[in-house]
Amino acid sequence: MPQENFASFGNHRTWYRVTGDGIGIHPPVIVLHGGPGAAHDYVDSFKALARPDRAVIHYDQLGCGRSTHLPDADPRFWTVELFLAELDNLIAHLGITEGYTLLGQSWGGMLAAEHAVRRPRGLKALIIANSPASMVTWVAEANRLCADLPPDIQETLIRHETAGTTDDPAYTAAVDVFYERHLCRIKPWPEEVKRSFAQMAADPTVYHTMNGPSEFHVVGTLKSWNITAQLEQIDVPTLVISGKYDEATPRAVQPYVEHIPGARWELFEHSSHMPHVEETGRCMSVIDRFLVEAVGQNPR
């Protein structure tokens, strides 16, 4: 049975769940969700990677999900360094500092890369799923994708972004057109995806502060984030994942493949930003095979 608990983090709490009994056998997989602020629900399917000798750990980053919410925090509180410290705290709390793997999706992959370039001794393998290496490139590619939207949708997006009225229902409806193409192509969205977006809408503090009002209108503190120059420092086996219709386009993810020594890239032909939802079986198979090869586990 999955085990849920909280890790104290300063005056706050980080919720986490451990699926599987193998936390002390082979390096467990820690799943880092996106957003920032989307919570773990939409990446819940990664629990399928758990096996008798491998645990999977989900957690909600500070400010979302079941972890401590801080809607009144100074915007300067929300930093990459904060979330790196929270991850380090969770690893220490679980007693796995000597061995773990990271699976980061979207913003979670960016955070995982930030952790990996520091070369922590316990990190054994890295999976970066649907993540940009540079937010400047991400925005440029998003603008290119937006240019293919119907003219009326483009006009609505531009009008509300220019006016600062991105809370208008018309803007939300136009954003959804982009999301249906490049975020998750399953209609209707699975319940776990809906839950993540519903809770982020209920408390958008982290997302709005660090990202902005939408996936492609990035005006938050991450707008100039770029880890490309540091990627060559990553020294563990790395798998990069993206989808054919992904908002994380080939140009956005390419630096991970080019600059991380030995990195592998798997493109999912029928997916956008969520192969773990859109092609669940194949996605889990690809990641499982990578982990077996990377950390010496026996095949199923």
Protein backbone atom coordinates (compact mmCIF):
# COMPACT_ATOMS: atom_id res chain seq x y z
CA MET A 1 0.00 0.00 0.00
CA PRO A 2 1.26 3.51 -0.76
CA GLN A 3 2.42 5.38 2.31
CA GLU A 4 1.72 9.09 2.72
CA ASN A 5 3.35 11.48 5.16
CA PHE A 6 4.83 14.94 5.58
CA ALA A 7 8.43 16.13 5.79
CA SER A 8 9.01 19.22 7.92
CA PHE A 9 10.66 21.99 5.93
CA GLY A 10 11.43 24.93 8.16
CA ASN A 11 8.05 26.10 9.42
CA HIS A 12 6.31 24.37 6.54
CA ARG A 13 5.42 20.82 5.47
CA THR A 14 6.04 18.90 2.27
CA TRP A 15 3.52 16.16 1.52
CA TYR A 16 4.89 12.98 -0.05
CA ARG A 17 3.79 9.47 -0.99
CA VAL A 18 5.89 6.34 -1.38
CA THR A 19 4.57 3.64 -3.72
CA GLY A 20 6.27 0.24 -3.52
CA ASP A 21 8.41 -1.49 -0.92
CA GLY A 22 11.81 -1.17 -2.56
CA ILE A 23 13.07 2.08 -1.06
CA GLY A 24 16.11 0.38 0.45
CA ILE A 25 16.87 -2.07 -2.38
CA HIS A 26 17.47 -0.05 -5.55
CA PRO A 27 17.49 3.75 -5.95
CA PRO A 28 13.91 5.01 -5.64
CA VAL A 29 12.48 7.31 -8.30
CA ILE A 30 11.54 10.78 -7.07
CA VAL A 31 8.95 12.43 -9.33
CA LEU A 32 9.19 16.22 -9.65
CA HIS A 33 5.97 17.76 -10.95
CA GLY A 34 5.66 20.81 -13.14
CA GLY A 35 3.93 24.14 -13.02
CA PRO A 36 5.53 25.47 -10.97
CA GLY A 37 2.60 24.82 -8.67
CA ALA A 38 0.71 22.10 -10.56
CA ALA A 39 0.96 19.47 -7.77
CA HIS A 40 1.57 15.76 -8.27
CA ASP A 41 -1.87 14.67 -9.52
CA TYR A 42 -1.24 14.92 -13.27
CA VAL A 43 2.00 12.89 -13.00
CA ASP A 44 0.37 10.25 -10.81
CA SER A 45 0.69 7.61 -13.55
CA PHE A 46 4.44 7.38 -12.90
CA LYS A 47 3.55 5.24 -9.88
CA ALA A 48 3.39 2.41 -12.43
CA LEU A 49 7.21 2.40 -12.35
CA ALA A 50 7.11 0.96 -8.82
CA ARG A 51 8.15 -2.68 -8.48
CA PRO A 52 9.23 -4.95 -5.61
CA ASP A 53 12.79 -3.62 -5.79
CA ARG A 54 12.03 0.01 -6.77
CA ALA A 55 9.91 2.58 -4.95
CA VAL A 56 8.39 5.67 -6.58
CA ILE A 57 8.10 8.86 -4.55
CA HIS A 58 5.66 11.61 -5.44
CA TYR A 59 5.54 14.89 -3.57
CA ASP A 60 3.78 18.24 -3.77
CA GLN A 61 6.19 21.13 -3.89
CA LEU A 62 5.70 23.93 -1.41
CA GLY A 63 2.81 26.22 -2.30
CA CYS A 64 0.56 23.63 -3.92
CA GLY A 65 -1.34 20.39 -3.49
CA ARG A 66 -1.26 18.98 0.03
CA SER A 67 1.89 20.80 1.05
CA THR A 68 1.88 24.16 2.85
CA HIS A 69 0.27 26.98 0.88
CA LEU A 70 1.61 30.50 1.27
CA PRO A 71 -0.61 32.80 -0.82
CA ASP A 72 0.58 35.90 1.03
CA ALA A 73 4.32 35.22 0.76
CA ASP A 74 6.54 37.92 -0.70
CA PRO A 75 7.07 37.11 -4.40
CA ARG A 76 10.81 37.04 -3.69
CA PHE A 77 10.21 33.96 -1.51
CA TRP A 78 9.55 31.78 -4.57
CA THR A 79 12.93 30.89 -6.08
CA VAL A 80 14.67 27.97 -7.74
CA GLU A 81 16.92 27.79 -4.67
CA LEU A 82 13.87 27.35 -2.41
CA PHE A 83 12.68 24.31 -4.35
CA LEU A 84 16.19 22.85 -4.52
CA ALA A 85 16.40 23.15 -0.73
CA GLU A 86 12.99 21.49 -0.38
CA LEU A 87 14.11 18.59 -2.58
CA ASP A 88 17.34 18.18 -0.58
CA ASN A 89 15.30 18.23 2.63
CA LEU A 90 12.96 15.52 1.35
CA ILE A 91 15.87 13.31 0.26
CA ALA A 92 17.45 13.64 3.70
CA HIS A 93 14.12 13.05 5.45
CA LEU A 94 13.64 9.78 3.53
CA GLY A 95 17.20 8.65 4.30
CA ILE A 96 18.11 8.14 0.64
CA THR A 97 21.01 10.57 0.26
CA GLU A 98 23.24 7.69 -0.92
CA GLY A 99 21.04 6.59 -3.79
CA TYR A 100 18.06 7.93 -5.75
CA THR A 101 17.00 8.84 -9.29
CA LEU A 102 15.07 11.93 -10.40
CA LEU A 103 12.21 12.09 -12.91
CA GLY A 104 11.27 15.69 -13.58
CA GLN A 105 8.39 16.69 -15.85
CA SER A 106 8.23 20.19 -17.42
CA TRP A 107 9.26 22.64 -14.65
CA GLY A 108 10.13 19.52 -12.65
CA GLY A 109 12.73 18.62 -15.27
CA MET A 110 14.21 22.09 -15.03
CA LEU A 111 14.44 21.66 -11.26
CA ALA A 112 15.94 18.19 -11.65
CA ALA A 113 18.58 19.57 -13.99
CA GLU A 114 19.42 22.30 -11.47
CA HIS A 115 19.91 19.57 -8.86
CA ALA A 116 21.96 17.38 -11.19
CA VAL A 117 24.48 20.05 -12.25
CA ARG A 118 25.56 20.20 -8.61
CA ARG A 119 26.69 16.58 -8.91
CA PRO A 120 25.15 15.24 -5.68
CA ARG A 121 26.80 11.95 -4.82
CA GLY A 122 23.51 10.09 -4.38
CA LEU A 123 22.03 10.87 -7.79
CA LYS A 124 22.25 7.73 -9.93
CA ALA A 125 20.16 8.59 -13.00
CA LEU A 126 18.12 11.44 -14.43
CA ILE A 127 14.97 11.61 -16.55
CA ILE A 128 14.05 15.01 -18.01
CA ALA A 129 10.55 14.90 -19.46
CA ASN A 130 9.11 17.69 -21.65
CA SER A 131 11.37 20.41 -20.25
CA PRO A 132 13.09 23.40 -21.84
CA ALA A 133 16.73 24.20 -21.12
CA SER A 134 16.08 27.91 -21.69
CA MET A 135 12.91 29.86 -21.03
CA VAL A 136 13.84 32.38 -23.72
CA THR A 137 13.81 29.54 -26.25
CA TRP A 138 10.59 28.18 -24.71
CA VAL A 139 8.82 31.50 -25.23
CA ALA A 140 10.15 31.88 -28.77
CA GLU A 141 8.90 28.41 -29.66
CA ALA A 142 5.55 29.07 -27.96
CA ASN A 143 5.14 32.18 -30.08
CA ARG A 144 5.87 30.10 -33.17
CA LEU A 145 3.23 27.55 -32.15
CA CYS A 146 0.74 30.30 -31.35
CA ALA A 147 1.22 31.69 -34.87
CA ASP A 148 -0.44 28.51 -36.17
CA LEU A 149 -3.59 29.05 -34.10
CA PRO A 150 -6.74 30.40 -35.77
CA PRO A 151 -6.52 34.19 -36.30
CA ASP A 152 -9.37 34.96 -33.88
CA ILE A 153 -7.66 32.96 -31.15
CA GLN A 154 -4.37 34.78 -31.76
CA GLU A 155 -6.16 38.12 -31.64
CA THR A 156 -7.83 37.26 -28.33
CA LEU A 157 -4.57 36.16 -26.74
CA ILE A 158 -2.65 39.25 -27.86
CA ARG A 159 -5.44 41.64 -26.88
CA HIS A 160 -5.76 40.37 -23.32
CA GLU A 161 -2.02 39.96 -22.77
CA THR A 162 -1.47 43.53 -23.93
CA ALA A 163 -4.27 44.85 -21.76
CA GLY A 164 -3.28 42.78 -18.73
CA THR A 165 -6.73 41.16 -18.62
CA THR A 166 -5.55 37.55 -18.68
CA ASP A 167 -8.15 36.66 -16.04
CA ASP A 168 -10.89 37.26 -18.62
CA PRO A 169 -12.86 34.08 -19.53
CA ALA A 170 -12.26 34.81 -23.22
CA TYR A 171 -8.51 34.62 -22.64
CA THR A 172 -8.89 31.35 -20.75
CA ALA A 173 -10.94 29.88 -23.60
CA ALA A 174 -8.31 30.93 -26.14
CA VAL A 175 -5.53 29.45 -24.01
CA ASP A 176 -7.44 26.17 -23.93
CA VAL A 177 -7.19 25.95 -27.72
CA PHE A 178 -3.39 26.01 -27.43
CA TYR A 179 -3.47 23.51 -24.55
CA GLU A 180 -5.60 21.05 -26.53
CA ARG A 181 -2.90 21.02 -29.22
CA HIS A 182 0.30 21.21 -27.22
CA LEU A 183 -0.34 20.32 -23.57
CA CYS A 184 -2.61 17.26 -23.55
CA ARG A 185 -4.36 15.99 -26.67
CA ILE A 186 -6.70 13.58 -24.90
CA LYS A 187 -10.33 14.76 -24.90
CA PRO A 188 -11.68 15.15 -22.34
CA TRP A 189 -8.63 15.55 -20.13
CA PRO A 190 -8.13 12.69 -17.66
CA GLU A 191 -9.34 13.42 -14.14
CA GLU A 192 -5.83 13.60 -12.67
CA VAL A 193 -4.90 16.33 -15.18
CA LYS A 194 -8.07 18.24 -14.39
CA ARG A 195 -7.30 18.04 -10.67
CA SER A 196 -3.85 19.58 -11.09
CA PHE A 197 -5.17 22.49 -13.13
CA ALA A 198 -8.15 23.01 -10.81
CA GLN A 199 -5.97 23.26 -7.73
CA MET A 200 -3.54 25.57 -9.56
CA ALA A 201 -6.46 27.81 -10.53
CA ALA A 202 -7.63 27.83 -6.89
CA ASP A 203 -4.17 28.94 -5.69
CA PRO A 204 -2.06 30.25 -8.59
CA THR A 205 0.49 31.96 -6.32
CA VAL A 206 3.55 29.98 -7.39
CA TYR A 207 2.57 29.65 -11.05
CA HIS A 208 1.78 33.32 -11.53
CA THR A 209 4.87 34.47 -9.63
CA MET A 210 7.41 32.24 -11.35
CA ASN A 211 5.78 31.63 -14.74
CA GLY A 212 2.82 33.86 -15.56
CA PRO A 213 -0.84 33.52 -16.55
CA SER A 214 -0.33 30.79 -19.17
CA GLU A 215 2.21 28.31 -20.49
CA PHE A 216 3.29 30.67 -23.26
CA HIS A 217 2.88 34.14 -21.67
CA VAL A 218 5.90 33.88 -19.37
CA VAL A 219 6.33 37.11 -17.43
CA GLY A 220 7.37 35.68 -14.05
CA THR A 221 10.73 35.24 -12.38
CA LEU A 222 11.66 32.28 -14.58
CA LYS A 223 11.42 34.28 -17.82
CA SER A 224 15.21 34.46 -18.30
CA TRP A 225 16.10 31.09 -16.75
CA ASN A 226 18.72 29.17 -18.77
CA ILE A 227 20.76 26.16 -17.69
CA THR A 228 22.36 25.32 -21.05
CA ALA A 229 25.90 26.37 -20.13
CA GLN A 230 25.91 24.14 -17.05
CA LEU A 231 24.54 20.94 -18.57
CA GLU A 232 27.95 19.44 -19.36
CA GLN A 233 28.47 19.12 -15.60
CA ILE A 234 25.80 16.41 -15.34
CA ASP A 235 27.60 13.10 -14.92
CA VAL A 236 24.83 10.49 -14.55
CA PRO A 237 22.91 8.49 -17.18
CA THR A 238 20.21 10.77 -18.60
CA LEU A 239 17.05 10.13 -20.59
CA VAL A 240 15.27 13.04 -22.30
CA ILE A 241 11.61 12.68 -23.26
CA SER A 242 9.36 14.84 -25.43
CA GLY A 243 6.27 14.58 -27.62
CA LYS A 244 5.85 15.26 -31.32
CA TYR A 245 3.24 17.97 -30.61
CA ASP A 246 4.89 19.13 -27.39
CA GLU A 247 5.05 22.78 -26.34
CA ALA A 248 8.56 21.69 -25.31
CA THR A 249 9.61 21.56 -28.95
CA PRO A 250 12.75 19.82 -30.27
CA ARG A 251 14.55 23.16 -30.25
CA ALA A 252 13.63 23.64 -26.58
CA VAL A 253 14.85 20.22 -25.41
CA GLN A 254 17.81 19.80 -27.78
CA PRO A 255 20.38 21.39 -25.41
CA TYR A 256 19.88 18.58 -22.91
CA VAL A 257 20.75 16.03 -25.58
CA GLU A 258 23.65 18.01 -27.00
CA HIS A 259 25.33 19.04 -23.76
CA ILE A 260 24.71 16.21 -21.25
CA PRO A 261 27.33 13.53 -21.96
CA GLY A 262 25.69 10.36 -23.26
CA ALA A 263 22.12 11.65 -22.97
CA ARG A 264 19.43 9.70 -24.86
CA TRP A 265 16.33 11.24 -26.43
CA GLU A 266 13.00 9.49 -26.87
CA LEU A 267 10.34 11.21 -28.98
CA PHE A 268 6.72 10.10 -28.55
CA GLU A 269 4.94 10.35 -31.89
CA HIS A 270 1.38 10.50 -30.53
CA SER A 271 1.92 12.86 -27.61
CA SER A 272 2.18 16.52 -26.79
CA HIS A 273 3.38 17.65 -23.34
CA MET A 274 2.27 14.56 -21.41
CA PRO A 275 3.44 11.26 -22.90
CA HIS A 276 2.93 9.71 -19.44
CA VAL A 277 -0.79 10.36 -19.97
CA GLU A 278 -1.10 10.26 -23.75
CA GLU A 279 1.04 7.14 -24.36
CA THR A 280 1.20 5.75 -20.84
CA GLY A 281 2.18 2.17 -21.63
CA ARG A 282 5.03 3.00 -23.98
CA CYS A 283 6.25 5.83 -21.76
CA MET A 284 6.50 3.58 -18.71
CA SER A 285 8.20 0.86 -20.74
CA VAL A 286 10.83 3.27 -22.08
CA ILE A 287 11.58 4.68 -18.63
CA ASP A 288 11.63 1.26 -16.97
CA ARG A 289 14.10 -0.05 -19.54
CA PHE A 290 16.30 3.01 -19.06
CA LEU A 291 16.32 2.60 -15.28
CA VAL A 292 17.20 -1.08 -15.56
CA GLU A 293 20.17 -0.20 -17.76
CA ALA A 294 21.20 2.88 -15.79
CA VAL A 295 21.23 1.53 -12.25
CA GLY A 296 21.71 -2.19 -12.78
CA GLN A 297 18.31 -3.49 -11.84
CA ASN A 298 17.12 -6.83 -13.11
CA PRO A 299 14.49 -6.82 -15.85
CA ARG A 300 10.93 -7.54 -14.80
